[in-house]
Amino acid sequence: MYRVPSEIMHTILQDVLVAETSDLITLRFVSKTLNAIATPRAFHTIIMHESLWSSEAVCFLQTCDESVTSAVRRVVFEGAVEEEEGEEEEEECLPELQQQQVARRNALKTAFSGLHKFPHLERLRVHFDPSYEIYADQSSDPSYLLQLQFDILAALSAHPLPSLFSLSLNNMVAVPNKIYALENFHMVFRLLDYLRISIRSDVLCATAQENGDDIEDRVMDFWDRSIPYIIRNAPAISSLTLCDDGNQSEYVFDPVRSPLKAIILPRLTSLSLYDFSFESDALPKTDLVGFILSQKATLTHLVLDGCFILLDTFNSNYFPRFWHTVLRTFMHDLCVLQHFTLNSSVTSSSPSTPTSNGSAFRRDPRFQYKHTMHNHVSLEYHVYDSGEPIDGEEGDLKALEALLATVEKARHSNLRAV
C-alpha cells in the first residue's frame, strides 16, 4: 500500500482540527457517497489466480460486510501457476513442491466453497490450466491439475450459487468421475441461462502416447455420459457453447455423440460448436446433426467453427456424406434459424494443385474433410487433401449459399413482424 507523504497528512490534520462542525459533516457525507459509488465498481469483477495469495485474498473478501460481498457480480478464475523468481524444479525439491501444490489446492477449494457468500454473483468463468502432467492412470491417481478440477467442481456442487446465470468451464480434462452423476452437481446448471464448456481430450491422448496406455474407452465414456449429464440438467439455458479442443491436436479421439441427439433444450436460441466432427457414415439426422435438429423449435443462431466431416477410416475414397448434405438438412429443418456462421480453423487449404484436366484446385477452407491414420495408441486426424476435388463436393458451396439466403430471408421477415 502506498504511504501518504507526511507533509500532506499534516496539512489534512490541521484542516480537520480547525474545521467547523458543518465542514466535518460535509466531509463525512462526501466520504460515504464516494464509498457508495466506488465500492460496486471496485468489486464488480474479481479475478482469482491459481496461487495461495490470490485464493486467500478472495477468502478475505468473503468475510467482508454486505457492502462489499453484495457488490460482486462476476468471478473469473485463471488457472495457470506463475513460477516465482528463482523457483527450483530439481528432483530433491519435489516434496516441497508437492506440499505447495496441496496448500494451493486447499486454499482454492476453500475460496470456491465460499463463493455463495457473494449473494448477487451472476457470472462465473473457470479457466483450468491447459497444461498436463503424465500419470499412468488419471482416474485412480489424478495429477495435481486434474484433482484441482475435481475439487473445484465438488466445491461448487456443495455450495449452490442461487443468482448464477452464466457459467464457463474451460479446458476440462475428459476424465470420467463420479461427481458428474451427483444430484448436487446437476443443481449447478439448473438455473443457468448461458453455458460454455470446452473439453481437452488431447491431454489424455498425449498422456497415453507417453505411457503406452489405451484410454479411448475413458474418453468415449466421458462424452457419452458426463457431458449429457451436464447438458440435460441445464434446461433453462438460452445459449450453449461446446468446444471439443481435442480436435486441435494430432492425438484425438472423436466418439459418436449419439447420447446428445435425444436432449431437447426448450429455451435454447443460440448454439455454437467448435472443432466437432460429423461422421461420414452417419444417417442424415443422427450424431451431432441430430442434437442440432432437436432444438429446431427455438434455435435462431447457429455457429459451426472448425467443424469437419470425418471420412471413412478404412476407405478414404468412400464419401457417403458431404457438407452439402448437412447444410441442406439445416435449411429444410431449422425453420426459425436467423443467423448461421460456418468458419474454419485453418486459414487456407494447400497451395493450388493442377487437377487431371489442368485447372487449379483449392478447396474452400470452410468445408473441412478429415481422415484418420493409426499410430501405436491413438488415431491421428489429418485434413484430407488429395490435390483434386472429391466427386460430389461441388454442391457444398451452393448449399451454403442457399442456406444463407434462407436464413437472411427469415431474419428480414422477423424484423418486419416486429
Protein backbone atom coordinates (compact mmCIF):
# COMPACT_ATOMS: atom_id res chain seq x y z
CA MET A 1 0.00 0.00 0.00
CA TYR A 2 1.27 3.49 -0.86
CA ARG A 3 2.08 5.87 2.02
CA VAL A 4 0.73 9.40 2.08
CA PRO A 5 3.61 11.93 2.43
CA SER A 6 3.86 13.29 5.98
CA GLU A 7 3.54 16.89 4.78
CA ILE A 8 0.17 16.19 3.18
CA MET A 9 -1.04 14.31 6.27
CA HIS A 10 -0.03 17.28 8.47
CA THR A 11 -1.97 19.69 6.27
CA ILE A 12 -5.07 17.46 6.29
CA LEU A 13 -4.97 17.11 10.07
CA GLN A 14 -4.61 20.84 10.52
CA ASP A 15 -7.65 21.48 8.33
CA VAL A 16 -9.70 18.87 10.17
CA LEU A 17 -8.75 20.22 13.62
CA VAL A 18 -9.79 23.78 12.78
CA ALA A 19 -12.83 22.78 10.74
CA GLU A 20 -16.26 23.70 11.87
CA THR A 21 -18.83 21.02 12.64
CA SER A 22 -20.62 21.63 9.36
CA ASP A 23 -17.38 21.02 7.48
CA LEU A 24 -16.88 17.66 9.19
CA ILE A 25 -20.46 16.64 8.40
CA THR A 26 -19.88 17.56 4.76
CA LEU A 27 -16.63 15.57 4.73
CA ARG A 28 -18.39 12.51 6.14
CA PHE A 29 -21.20 12.86 3.61
CA VAL A 30 -18.75 13.10 0.72
CA SER A 31 -16.83 10.09 2.04
CA LYS A 32 -19.98 7.96 2.34
CA THR A 33 -21.16 9.00 -1.12
CA LEU A 34 -17.78 8.23 -2.66
CA ASN A 35 -17.74 4.85 -0.94
CA ALA A 36 -21.26 4.03 -2.14
CA ILE A 37 -20.30 4.88 -5.72
CA ALA A 38 -16.82 3.31 -5.79
CA THR A 39 -17.44 0.02 -3.98
CA PRO A 40 -19.81 -1.56 -6.56
CA ARG A 41 -17.40 -0.69 -9.35
CA ALA A 42 -14.29 -1.80 -7.49
CA PHE A 43 -15.68 -5.23 -6.58
CA HIS A 44 -17.94 -5.91 -9.59
CA THR A 45 -15.42 -8.39 -11.07
CA ILE A 46 -12.97 -10.49 -9.06
CA ILE A 47 -10.12 -12.23 -10.86
CA MET A 48 -8.68 -15.18 -8.96
CA HIS A 49 -5.38 -16.77 -9.97
CA GLU A 50 -4.01 -20.21 -9.19
CA SER A 51 -1.95 -19.03 -6.25
CA LEU A 52 -2.12 -19.20 -2.48
CA TRP A 53 -2.12 -15.42 -2.14
CA SER A 54 -4.93 -14.90 -4.64
CA SER A 55 -7.22 -17.54 -3.14
CA GLU A 56 -6.63 -16.21 0.39
CA ALA A 57 -7.47 -12.70 -0.82
CA VAL A 58 -10.81 -13.96 -2.19
CA CYS A 59 -11.47 -15.75 1.11
CA PHE A 60 -10.86 -12.45 2.91
CA LEU A 61 -13.37 -10.65 0.69
CA GLN A 62 -15.93 -13.31 1.58
CA THR A 63 -15.66 -12.22 5.23
CA CYS A 64 -16.28 -8.53 4.48
CA ASP A 65 -19.55 -6.78 5.21
CA GLU A 66 -22.50 -6.75 2.85
CA SER A 67 -21.45 -3.53 1.12
CA VAL A 68 -18.54 -5.49 -0.39
CA THR A 69 -19.94 -9.01 -0.80
CA SER A 70 -23.17 -7.80 -2.42
CA ALA A 71 -21.18 -5.80 -4.99
CA VAL A 72 -19.56 -8.89 -6.56
CA ARG A 73 -21.29 -9.83 -9.82
CA ARG A 74 -18.59 -11.75 -11.70
CA VAL A 75 -15.72 -14.07 -10.73
CA VAL A 76 -13.01 -15.21 -13.14
CA PHE A 77 -10.58 -18.00 -12.27
CA GLU A 78 -7.38 -18.12 -14.34
CA GLY A 79 -5.77 -21.50 -13.75
CA ALA A 80 -2.08 -21.14 -14.51
CA VAL A 81 0.62 -21.26 -11.85
CA GLU A 82 3.11 -18.43 -12.15
CA GLU A 83 6.56 -19.58 -11.04
CA GLU A 84 8.28 -17.28 -8.62
CA GLU A 85 11.69 -15.93 -9.48
CA GLY A 86 14.40 -18.41 -8.67
CA GLU A 87 12.00 -21.30 -8.12
CA GLU A 88 13.81 -24.59 -8.44
CA GLU A 89 12.42 -27.70 -10.03
CA GLU A 90 15.19 -30.12 -9.15
CA GLU A 91 14.21 -33.62 -8.11
CA GLU A 92 15.23 -33.05 -4.48
CA CYS A 93 12.66 -30.21 -4.27
CA LEU A 94 9.71 -32.35 -5.36
CA PRO A 95 8.37 -32.98 -1.82
CA GLU A 96 8.36 -29.25 -1.14
CA LEU A 97 6.65 -28.54 -4.47
CA GLN A 98 4.02 -31.17 -3.71
CA GLN A 99 3.37 -29.55 -0.33
CA GLN A 100 2.94 -26.20 -2.07
CA GLN A 101 0.51 -27.77 -4.52
CA VAL A 102 -1.57 -29.26 -1.70
CA ALA A 103 -1.67 -25.93 0.16
CA ARG A 104 -2.61 -24.08 -3.02
CA ARG A 105 -5.30 -26.59 -3.93
CA ASN A 106 -6.83 -26.50 -0.44
CA ALA A 107 -6.89 -22.70 -0.45
CA LEU A 108 -8.57 -22.63 -3.86
CA LYS A 109 -11.11 -25.22 -2.72
CA THR A 110 -11.94 -23.02 0.28
CA ALA A 111 -12.30 -19.95 -1.95
CA PHE A 112 -14.68 -21.73 -4.33
CA SER A 113 -16.64 -23.15 -1.40
CA GLY A 114 -17.25 -19.59 -0.23
CA LEU A 115 -18.48 -18.10 -3.50
CA HIS A 116 -22.06 -18.39 -2.22
CA LYS A 117 -21.17 -15.60 0.23
CA PHE A 118 -21.39 -13.25 -2.76
CA PRO A 119 -25.22 -13.19 -2.84
CA HIS A 120 -25.50 -11.44 -6.20
CA LEU A 121 -22.85 -13.41 -8.10
CA GLU A 122 -24.21 -13.78 -11.65
CA ARG A 123 -21.28 -14.87 -13.81
CA LEU A 124 -18.54 -17.41 -13.18
CA ARG A 125 -15.76 -18.27 -15.60
CA VAL A 126 -13.42 -21.11 -14.65
CA HIS A 127 -10.40 -21.41 -16.90
CA PHE A 128 -8.49 -24.55 -15.94
CA ASP A 129 -4.78 -24.72 -16.70
CA PRO A 130 -4.43 -26.16 -20.25
CA SER A 131 -1.16 -27.97 -19.47
CA TYR A 132 -0.99 -31.57 -18.32
CA GLU A 133 1.09 -33.96 -16.27
CA ILE A 134 1.97 -37.57 -17.10
CA TYR A 135 0.32 -40.18 -14.88
CA ALA A 136 -0.15 -43.85 -15.59
CA ASP A 137 -3.79 -43.76 -14.53
CA GLN A 138 -5.51 -40.39 -14.42
CA SER A 139 -8.58 -41.93 -12.77
CA SER A 140 -7.08 -43.59 -9.68
CA ASP A 141 -4.01 -41.38 -9.37
CA PRO A 142 -5.00 -37.97 -10.74
CA SER A 143 -2.44 -35.28 -11.34
CA TYR A 144 -2.46 -32.06 -9.34
CA LEU A 145 -4.30 -30.22 -12.13
CA LEU A 146 -6.91 -32.92 -12.58
CA GLN A 147 -7.51 -33.21 -8.83
CA LEU A 148 -7.87 -29.42 -8.69
CA GLN A 149 -10.55 -29.66 -11.39
CA PHE A 150 -12.47 -32.25 -9.37
CA ASP A 151 -12.07 -30.23 -6.14
CA ILE A 152 -13.40 -27.04 -7.72
CA LEU A 153 -16.41 -28.82 -9.22
CA ALA A 154 -17.09 -30.52 -5.88
CA ALA A 155 -16.92 -27.17 -4.06
CA LEU A 156 -19.43 -25.63 -6.47
CA SER A 157 -21.72 -28.63 -6.05
CA ALA A 158 -21.65 -28.43 -2.25
CA HIS A 159 -22.38 -24.70 -2.11
CA PRO A 160 -25.06 -23.61 -4.64
CA LEU A 161 -24.95 -20.15 -6.20
CA PRO A 162 -28.60 -19.06 -6.37
CA SER A 163 -28.04 -15.96 -8.53
CA LEU A 164 -25.70 -17.57 -11.07
CA PHE A 165 -26.99 -17.46 -14.65
CA SER A 166 -23.75 -17.64 -16.69
CA LEU A 167 -21.11 -20.36 -16.32
CA SER A 168 -17.99 -21.11 -18.39
CA LEU A 169 -15.90 -24.22 -17.76
CA ASN A 170 -12.85 -24.10 -20.00
CA ASN A 171 -10.14 -26.75 -20.51
CA MET A 172 -11.93 -29.52 -18.65
CA VAL A 173 -9.95 -32.75 -18.95
CA ALA A 174 -12.01 -35.59 -20.42
CA VAL A 175 -11.78 -37.98 -17.48
CA PRO A 176 -14.96 -39.57 -16.08
CA ASN A 177 -15.63 -39.02 -12.39
CA LYS A 178 -18.49 -39.91 -10.04
CA ILE A 179 -19.13 -36.22 -9.38
CA TYR A 180 -20.74 -35.83 -12.82
CA ALA A 181 -23.58 -38.17 -11.80
CA LEU A 182 -24.34 -36.49 -8.46
CA GLU A 183 -27.58 -34.57 -7.97
CA ASN A 184 -25.77 -31.70 -6.21
CA PHE A 185 -23.56 -31.26 -9.27
CA HIS A 186 -26.59 -31.20 -11.56
CA MET A 187 -28.11 -28.41 -9.46
CA VAL A 188 -25.24 -26.12 -10.50
CA PHE A 189 -26.72 -25.96 -14.02
CA ARG A 190 -30.47 -25.90 -13.35
CA LEU A 191 -30.99 -22.12 -13.46
CA LEU A 192 -28.29 -21.15 -15.97
CA ASP A 193 -29.10 -19.00 -18.99
CA TYR A 194 -25.63 -19.26 -20.58
CA LEU A 195 -23.30 -22.27 -20.54
CA ARG A 196 -19.90 -22.70 -22.17
CA ILE A 197 -17.84 -25.90 -21.91
CA SER A 198 -14.54 -26.69 -23.59
CA ILE A 199 -13.09 -30.19 -23.30
CA ARG A 200 -9.46 -31.29 -23.56
CA SER A 201 -9.30 -34.84 -24.85
CA ASP A 202 -5.90 -34.33 -26.47
CA VAL A 203 -4.33 -34.11 -23.00
CA LEU A 204 -5.19 -37.71 -22.26
CA CYS A 205 -4.20 -38.85 -25.72
CA ALA A 206 -0.76 -37.31 -25.29
CA THR A 207 -0.57 -38.93 -21.84
CA ALA A 208 -1.42 -42.30 -23.34
CA GLN A 209 1.23 -41.74 -26.00
CA GLU A 210 3.85 -41.34 -23.27
CA ASN A 211 2.74 -44.34 -21.21
CA GLY A 212 1.52 -46.73 -23.88
CA ASP A 213 -2.00 -46.67 -22.38
CA ASP A 214 -5.20 -47.19 -24.29
CA ILE A 215 -7.67 -44.68 -22.81
CA GLU A 216 -10.08 -44.38 -25.74
CA ASP A 217 -12.85 -46.03 -23.73
CA ARG A 218 -12.50 -43.48 -20.93
CA VAL A 219 -12.69 -40.54 -23.32
CA MET A 220 -15.74 -42.02 -25.04
CA ASP A 221 -17.34 -42.66 -21.65
CA PHE A 222 -16.81 -39.01 -20.73
CA TRP A 223 -18.54 -37.82 -23.90
CA ASP A 224 -21.28 -40.44 -23.70
CA ARG A 225 -22.11 -39.94 -20.01
CA SER A 226 -20.58 -36.88 -18.34
CA ILE A 227 -21.40 -34.27 -20.99
CA PRO A 228 -25.02 -35.45 -21.44
CA TYR A 229 -25.40 -35.32 -17.63
CA ILE A 230 -24.42 -31.65 -17.68
CA ILE A 231 -26.44 -30.56 -20.71
CA ARG A 232 -29.55 -32.49 -19.74
CA ASN A 233 -29.58 -30.74 -16.37
CA ALA A 234 -29.41 -27.24 -17.86
CA PRO A 235 -32.98 -26.96 -19.20
CA ALA A 236 -33.20 -23.18 -18.85
CA ILE A 237 -30.19 -22.21 -20.99
CA SER A 238 -30.79 -19.99 -23.99
CA SER A 239 -27.15 -20.03 -25.15
CA LEU A 240 -24.83 -23.05 -25.30
CA THR A 241 -21.22 -23.23 -26.49
CA LEU A 242 -19.37 -26.55 -26.75
CA CYS A 243 -15.71 -26.86 -27.73
CA ASP A 244 -14.00 -30.15 -28.49
CA ASP A 245 -10.48 -28.82 -28.07
CA GLY A 246 -9.01 -32.26 -28.61
CA ASN A 247 -9.51 -31.87 -32.35
CA GLN A 248 -6.80 -29.19 -32.38
CA SER A 249 -4.26 -31.88 -31.54
CA GLU A 250 -2.79 -34.65 -33.63
CA TYR A 251 -3.78 -37.13 -30.90
CA VAL A 252 -7.56 -37.21 -30.95
CA PHE A 253 -10.45 -39.46 -30.15
CA ASP A 254 -13.75 -38.37 -31.60
CA PRO A 255 -16.56 -40.67 -30.48
CA VAL A 256 -20.03 -40.62 -31.96
CA ARG A 257 -22.04 -38.33 -29.70
CA SER A 258 -25.36 -40.12 -30.12
CA PRO A 259 -26.47 -39.55 -26.48
CA LEU A 260 -26.77 -35.84 -27.23
CA LYS A 261 -29.31 -36.17 -30.02
CA ALA A 262 -32.13 -37.08 -27.64
CA ILE A 263 -31.66 -33.96 -25.50
CA ILE A 264 -34.10 -31.10 -26.10
CA LEU A 265 -33.41 -27.72 -24.52
CA PRO A 266 -36.76 -25.87 -24.69
CA ARG A 267 -35.31 -22.34 -24.35
CA LEU A 268 -32.17 -22.71 -26.47
CA THR A 269 -31.87 -19.97 -29.10
CA SER A 270 -28.10 -19.87 -29.66
CA LEU A 271 -25.78 -22.84 -30.23
CA SER A 272 -22.04 -22.62 -31.02
CA LEU A 273 -19.96 -25.73 -31.75
CA TYR A 274 -16.18 -25.65 -32.12
CA ASP A 275 -13.99 -28.37 -33.66
CA PHE A 276 -16.57 -31.14 -33.77
CA SER A 277 -16.88 -33.83 -36.40
CA PHE A 278 -19.83 -35.01 -38.43
CA GLU A 279 -19.48 -38.73 -39.02
CA SER A 280 -19.27 -39.61 -42.71
CA ASP A 281 -21.30 -42.80 -42.43
CA ALA A 282 -23.97 -41.48 -40.04
CA LEU A 283 -27.58 -41.28 -41.09
CA PRO A 284 -28.73 -37.77 -42.11
CA LYS A 285 -30.32 -36.87 -38.76
CA THR A 286 -28.13 -38.71 -36.26
CA ASP A 287 -24.89 -37.88 -34.41
CA LEU A 288 -24.29 -34.15 -33.90
CA VAL A 289 -26.82 -33.19 -36.58
CA GLY A 290 -29.49 -34.95 -34.55
CA PHE A 291 -28.67 -32.84 -31.50
CA ILE A 292 -28.89 -29.63 -33.54
CA LEU A 293 -32.21 -30.64 -35.11
CA SER A 294 -33.62 -31.45 -31.68
CA GLN A 295 -33.50 -27.70 -30.99
CA LYS A 296 -35.25 -26.70 -34.23
CA ALA A 297 -38.30 -25.22 -32.50
CA THR A 298 -36.27 -22.45 -30.82
CA LEU A 299 -32.82 -22.27 -32.45
CA THR A 300 -32.23 -18.88 -34.12
CA HIS A 301 -28.39 -18.67 -34.01
CA LEU A 302 -26.04 -21.47 -35.09
CA VAL A 303 -22.23 -21.28 -35.30
CA LEU A 304 -20.02 -24.10 -36.60
CA ASP A 305 -16.35 -23.20 -36.19
CA GLY A 306 -13.58 -25.62 -37.16
CA CYS A 307 -16.06 -28.46 -37.61
CA PHE A 308 -15.33 -31.14 -40.19
CA ILE A 309 -16.69 -34.26 -41.80
CA LEU A 310 -14.77 -37.37 -40.79
CA LEU A 311 -14.21 -39.69 -43.71
CA ASP A 312 -14.35 -43.45 -43.51
CA THR A 313 -11.29 -44.67 -41.60
CA PHE A 314 -10.60 -47.63 -43.85
CA ASN A 315 -11.80 -46.28 -47.17
CA SER A 316 -10.93 -42.62 -47.76
CA ASN A 317 -12.31 -42.84 -51.29
CA TYR A 318 -15.81 -43.55 -49.99
CA PHE A 319 -17.84 -40.39 -49.33
CA PRO A 320 -21.39 -41.18 -48.24
CA ARG A 321 -21.85 -37.74 -46.70
CA PHE A 322 -20.83 -34.27 -47.86
CA TRP A 323 -21.10 -30.83 -46.34
CA HIS A 324 -23.97 -30.04 -48.67
CA THR A 325 -25.92 -32.96 -47.17
CA VAL A 326 -25.60 -31.43 -43.71
CA LEU A 327 -26.32 -27.86 -44.86
CA ARG A 328 -29.43 -28.84 -46.83
CA THR A 329 -30.75 -30.67 -43.79
CA PHE A 330 -30.35 -27.46 -41.78
CA MET A 331 -32.06 -25.41 -44.48
CA HIS A 332 -35.12 -27.67 -44.57
CA ASP A 333 -35.47 -28.42 -40.85
CA LEU A 334 -34.27 -25.35 -38.91
CA CYS A 335 -37.31 -23.25 -39.70
CA VAL A 336 -36.69 -20.39 -37.21
CA LEU A 337 -32.93 -20.04 -37.87
CA GLN A 338 -31.98 -16.39 -38.45
CA HIS A 339 -28.17 -16.42 -38.14
CA PHE A 340 -25.75 -19.06 -39.42
CA THR A 341 -21.94 -18.98 -39.40
CA LEU A 342 -19.57 -21.56 -40.86
CA ASN A 343 -15.92 -20.89 -40.05
CA SER A 344 -12.73 -22.85 -40.44
CA SER A 345 -9.89 -23.40 -38.00
CA VAL A 346 -7.46 -23.18 -40.93
CA THR A 347 -6.86 -20.06 -42.99
CA SER A 348 -6.50 -21.82 -46.32
CA SER A 349 -6.03 -25.18 -47.90
CA SER A 350 -2.83 -26.36 -49.51
CA PRO A 351 -1.44 -24.43 -52.49
CA SER A 352 -3.41 -24.72 -55.68
CA THR A 353 -2.78 -28.03 -57.39
CA PRO A 354 -3.48 -28.73 -61.06
CA THR A 355 -6.26 -31.28 -61.44
CA SER A 356 -6.36 -34.01 -64.05
CA ASN A 357 -7.90 -31.58 -66.56
CA GLY A 358 -5.22 -28.95 -65.90
CA SER A 359 -7.25 -26.48 -63.81
CA ALA A 360 -6.06 -25.35 -60.38
CA PHE A 361 -7.98 -26.65 -57.36
CA ARG A 362 -8.15 -25.12 -53.90
CA ARG A 363 -10.83 -26.34 -51.51
CA ASP A 364 -12.80 -23.69 -49.66
CA PRO A 365 -11.32 -23.99 -46.12
CA ARG A 366 -14.78 -23.76 -44.56
CA PHE A 367 -15.60 -27.21 -45.93
CA GLN A 368 -13.17 -29.38 -43.99
CA TYR A 369 -12.86 -33.09 -44.62
CA LYS A 370 -10.55 -35.20 -42.47
CA HIS A 371 -9.46 -38.80 -42.39
CA THR A 372 -7.75 -40.89 -39.74
CA MET A 373 -4.41 -42.60 -39.54
CA HIS A 374 -3.42 -45.07 -36.81
CA ASN A 375 -0.34 -44.80 -34.65
CA HIS A 376 0.56 -47.05 -31.73
CA VAL A 377 -2.12 -45.94 -29.26
CA SER A 378 -4.44 -43.46 -30.93
CA LEU A 379 -5.86 -42.02 -34.10
CA GLU A 380 -4.34 -39.03 -35.81
CA TYR A 381 -6.68 -36.79 -37.78
CA HIS A 382 -5.41 -35.18 -40.95
CA VAL A 383 -7.05 -32.79 -43.39
CA TYR A 384 -7.98 -34.74 -46.49
CA ASP A 385 -6.23 -33.16 -49.44
CA SER A 386 -5.61 -35.36 -52.46
CA GLY A 387 -4.97 -32.36 -54.69
CA GLU A 388 -8.18 -32.93 -56.61
CA PRO A 389 -11.84 -32.27 -55.79
CA ILE A 390 -13.99 -35.08 -54.49
CA ASP A 391 -16.77 -36.13 -56.82
CA GLY A 392 -19.86 -34.51 -55.36
CA GLU A 393 -18.30 -31.78 -53.23
CA GLU A 394 -19.11 -29.16 -55.87
CA GLY A 395 -22.52 -28.95 -54.23
CA ASP A 396 -21.07 -27.70 -50.92
CA LEU A 397 -20.80 -24.01 -51.80
CA LYS A 398 -24.21 -23.95 -53.49
CA ALA A 399 -25.81 -25.50 -50.41
CA LEU A 400 -24.14 -22.95 -48.12
CA GLU A 401 -25.30 -20.04 -50.29
CA ALA A 402 -28.84 -21.42 -50.33
CA LEU A 403 -28.85 -21.82 -46.54
CA LEU A 404 -27.52 -18.30 -46.00
CA ALA A 405 -30.17 -16.89 -48.35
CA THR A 406 -32.91 -18.75 -46.48
CA VAL A 407 -31.59 -17.51 -43.14
CA GLU A 408 -31.38 -13.93 -44.41
CA LYS A 409 -34.97 -14.10 -45.61
CA ALA A 410 -36.13 -15.42 -42.25
CA ARG A 411 -34.29 -12.65 -40.43
CA HIS A 412 -35.87 -9.91 -42.53
CA SER A 413 -39.31 -11.47 -42.11
CA ASN A 414 -38.82 -11.45 -38.35
CA LEU A 415 -37.72 -7.80 -38.37
CA ARG A 416 -40.80 -6.80 -40.35
CA ALA A 417 -43.01 -8.70 -37.93
CA VAL A 418 -41.50 -6.80 -35.03
